[in-house]
């Protein structure tokens, strides 16, 4: 009977000694990228194209660009490595801000 108990308790003891799970990845910061909008306001009025996206990312030093077309809901989480580009109904840039 004691062997049977030992057989059942072994998996529990081994599970307790198992390696811990790694820490979850926290999103929000890309090393070396902190958004600034000082040089991005010149893009207001430009069409929302891939070329404009690349230029805004470079000018803002952002790792991530998020388009915000009219009527779209955005998450409120702030990311210092992201630039948000708001578009008007004509697909032209109306505002640029970090976060």
C-alpha atoms as a PDB file:
ATOM      1  CA  UNK A   1       0.000   0.000   0.000  1.00  0.00           C
ATOM      2  CA  UNK A   2       2.849   2.429   0.776  1.00  0.00           C
ATOM      3  CA  UNK A   3       4.334   1.829  -2.694  1.00  0.00           C
ATOM      4  CA  UNK A   4       1.022   2.778  -4.213  1.00  0.00           C
ATOM      5  CA  UNK A   5       0.971   6.057  -2.264  1.00  0.00           C
ATOM      6  CA  UNK A   6       4.533   6.759  -3.309  1.00  0.00           C
ATOM      7  CA  UNK A   7       3.560   6.171  -6.943  1.00  0.00           C
ATOM      8  CA  UNK A   8       0.773   8.733  -6.729  1.00  0.00           C
ATOM      9  CA  UNK A   9       2.775  11.342  -4.836  1.00  0.00           C
ATOM     10  CA  UNK A  10       5.824  11.252  -7.118  1.00  0.00           C
ATOM     11  CA  UNK A  11       4.203  13.267  -9.955  1.00  0.00           C
ATOM     12  CA  UNK A  12       3.040  15.892  -7.472  1.00  0.00           C
ATOM     13  CA  UNK A  13       6.499  16.232  -5.983  1.00  0.00           C
ATOM     14  CA  UNK A  14       8.094  16.442  -9.424  1.00  0.00           C
ATOM     15  CA  UNK A  15       5.593  19.069 -10.555  1.00  0.00           C
ATOM     16  CA  UNK A  16       6.492  21.196  -7.543  1.00  0.00           C
ATOM     17  CA  UNK A  17      10.161  21.046  -8.551  1.00  0.00           C
ATOM     18  CA  UNK A  18       9.518  21.905 -12.196  1.00  0.00           C
ATOM     19  CA  UNK A  19      11.048  25.046 -13.644  1.00  0.00           C
ATOM     20  CA  UNK A  20       8.967  28.175 -13.284  1.00  0.00           C
ATOM     21  CA  UNK A  21       7.296  29.667 -16.329  1.00  0.00           C
ATOM     22  CA  UNK A  22       9.145  32.611 -17.916  1.00  0.00           C
ATOM     23  CA  UNK A  23       7.887  36.120 -17.261  1.00  0.00           C
ATOM     24  CA  UNK A  24       5.291  37.247 -19.810  1.00  0.00           C
ATOM     25  CA  UNK A  25       6.453  39.672 -22.468  1.00  0.00           C
ATOM     26  CA  UNK A  26       5.420  43.230 -21.679  1.00  0.00           C
ATOM     27  CA  UNK A  27       4.626  45.240 -24.761  1.00  0.00           C
ATOM     28  CA  UNK A  28       4.987  48.985 -24.992  1.00  0.00           C
ATOM     29  CA  UNK A  29       8.646  49.865 -25.381  1.00  0.00           C
ATOM     30  CA  UNK A  30      11.106  49.106 -28.139  1.00  0.00           C
ATOM     31  CA  UNK A  31      14.663  49.915 -27.036  1.00  0.00           C
ATOM     32  CA  UNK A  32      16.089  52.888 -28.945  1.00  0.00           C
ATOM     33  CA  UNK A  33      12.692  54.166 -30.078  1.00  0.00           C
ATOM     34  CA  UNK A  34      10.944  56.984 -28.269  1.00  0.00           C
ATOM     35  CA  UNK A  35       8.352  58.888 -30.252  1.00  0.00           C
ATOM     36  CA  UNK A  36       8.655  62.648 -30.723  1.00  0.00           C
ATOM     37  CA  UNK A  37       6.335  64.760 -32.858  1.00  0.00           C
ATOM     38  CA  UNK A  38       8.549  67.833 -33.262  1.00  0.00           C
ATOM     39  CA  UNK A  39       9.340  67.054 -36.912  1.00  0.00           C
ATOM     40  CA  UNK A  40       6.070  65.360 -37.895  1.00  0.00           C
ATOM     41  CA  UNK A  41       3.623  68.258 -38.191  1.00  0.00           C
ATOM     42  CA  UNK A  42       4.784  68.930 -41.755  1.00  0.00           C
ATOM     43  CA  UNK A  43       2.960  65.711 -42.745  1.00  0.00           C
ATOM     44  CA  UNK A  44      -0.488  67.029 -41.790  1.00  0.00           C
ATOM     45  CA  UNK A  45      -2.481  67.237 -45.031  1.00  0.00           C
ATOM     46  CA  UNK A  46      -0.416  64.541 -46.772  1.00  0.00           C
ATOM     47  CA  UNK A  47      -2.131  61.414 -48.158  1.00  0.00           C
ATOM     48  CA  UNK A  48      -2.091  58.273 -45.991  1.00  0.00           C
ATOM     49  CA  UNK A  49       0.285  56.201 -48.112  1.00  0.00           C
ATOM     50  CA  UNK A  50       3.126  53.774 -47.441  1.00  0.00           C
ATOM     51  CA  UNK A  51       5.596  56.522 -48.335  1.00  0.00           C
ATOM     52  CA  UNK A  52       4.017  58.892 -45.815  1.00  0.00           C
ATOM     53  CA  UNK A  53       4.059  56.123 -43.202  1.00  0.00           C
ATOM     54  CA  UNK A  54       7.785  55.514 -43.677  1.00  0.00           C
ATOM     55  CA  UNK A  55       8.569  59.229 -43.536  1.00  0.00           C
ATOM     56  CA  UNK A  56       6.500  59.784 -40.364  1.00  0.00           C
ATOM     57  CA  UNK A  57       8.094  56.781 -38.639  1.00  0.00           C
ATOM     58  CA  UNK A  58      11.549  58.112 -39.479  1.00  0.00           C
ATOM     59  CA  UNK A  59      10.739  61.698 -38.439  1.00  0.00           C
ATOM     60  CA  UNK A  60       9.109  60.593 -35.176  1.00  0.00           C
ATOM     61  CA  UNK A  61      11.687  57.895 -34.279  1.00  0.00           C
ATOM     62  CA  UNK A  62       8.738  55.581 -33.531  1.00  0.00           C
ATOM     63  CA  UNK A  63       9.062  51.822 -33.894  1.00  0.00           C
ATOM     64  CA  UNK A  64       5.319  51.425 -34.513  1.00  0.00           C
ATOM     65  CA  UNK A  65       2.896  53.546 -36.543  1.00  0.00           C
ATOM     66  CA  UNK A  66      -0.838  53.232 -35.952  1.00  0.00           C
ATOM     67  CA  UNK A  67      -3.293  54.566 -38.541  1.00  0.00           C
ATOM     68  CA  UNK A  68      -6.539  55.985 -37.131  1.00  0.00           C
ATOM     69  CA  UNK A  69      -9.141  56.380 -39.879  1.00  0.00           C
ATOM     70  CA  UNK A  70     -12.358  58.274 -39.097  1.00  0.00           C
ATOM     71  CA  UNK A  71     -14.723  56.474 -36.744  1.00  0.00           C
ATOM     72  CA  UNK A  72     -12.261  53.791 -35.660  1.00  0.00           C
ATOM     73  CA  UNK A  73     -11.941  53.002 -31.955  1.00  0.00           C
ATOM     74  CA  UNK A  74      -8.419  52.929 -30.535  1.00  0.00           C
ATOM     75  CA  UNK A  75      -7.064  51.375 -27.382  1.00  0.00           C
ATOM     76  CA  UNK A  76      -6.130  53.890 -24.707  1.00  0.00           C
ATOM     77  CA  UNK A  77      -2.848  52.222 -23.775  1.00  0.00           C
ATOM     78  CA  UNK A  78       0.109  54.575 -24.083  1.00  0.00           C
ATOM     79  CA  UNK A  79       3.212  53.338 -25.863  1.00  0.00           C
ATOM     80  CA  UNK A  80       6.170  55.671 -26.006  1.00  0.00           C
ATOM     81  CA  UNK A  81       7.506  53.875 -29.090  1.00  0.00           C
ATOM     82  CA  UNK A  82       4.317  54.371 -31.149  1.00  0.00           C
ATOM     83  CA  UNK A  83       3.068  57.253 -33.273  1.00  0.00           C
ATOM     84  CA  UNK A  84      -0.647  57.537 -34.040  1.00  0.00           C
ATOM     85  CA  UNK A  85      -1.649  59.137 -37.331  1.00  0.00           C
ATOM     86  CA  UNK A  86      -5.269  60.278 -37.608  1.00  0.00           C
ATOM     87  CA  UNK A  87      -6.806  60.367 -41.072  1.00  0.00           C
ATOM     88  CA  UNK A  88      -9.708  62.401 -42.410  1.00  0.00           C
ATOM     89  CA  UNK A  89     -12.484  61.088 -44.659  1.00  0.00           C
ATOM     90  CA  UNK A  90     -10.338  61.949 -47.693  1.00  0.00           C
ATOM     91  CA  UNK A  91      -7.508  59.677 -46.384  1.00  0.00           C
ATOM     92  CA  UNK A  92      -5.289  62.648 -45.576  1.00  0.00           C
ATOM     93  CA  UNK A  93      -3.386  63.095 -42.322  1.00  0.00           C
ATOM     94  CA  UNK A  94      -5.272  65.349 -39.890  1.00  0.00           C
ATOM     95  CA  UNK A  95      -3.215  64.881 -36.700  1.00  0.00           C
ATOM     96  CA  UNK A  96      -0.107  63.097 -35.463  1.00  0.00           C
ATOM     97  CA  UNK A  97       0.633  62.292 -31.837  1.00  0.00           C
ATOM     98  CA  UNK A  98       2.699  59.870 -29.797  1.00  0.00           C
ATOM     99  CA  UNK A  99       1.168  57.003 -27.909  1.00  0.00           C
END
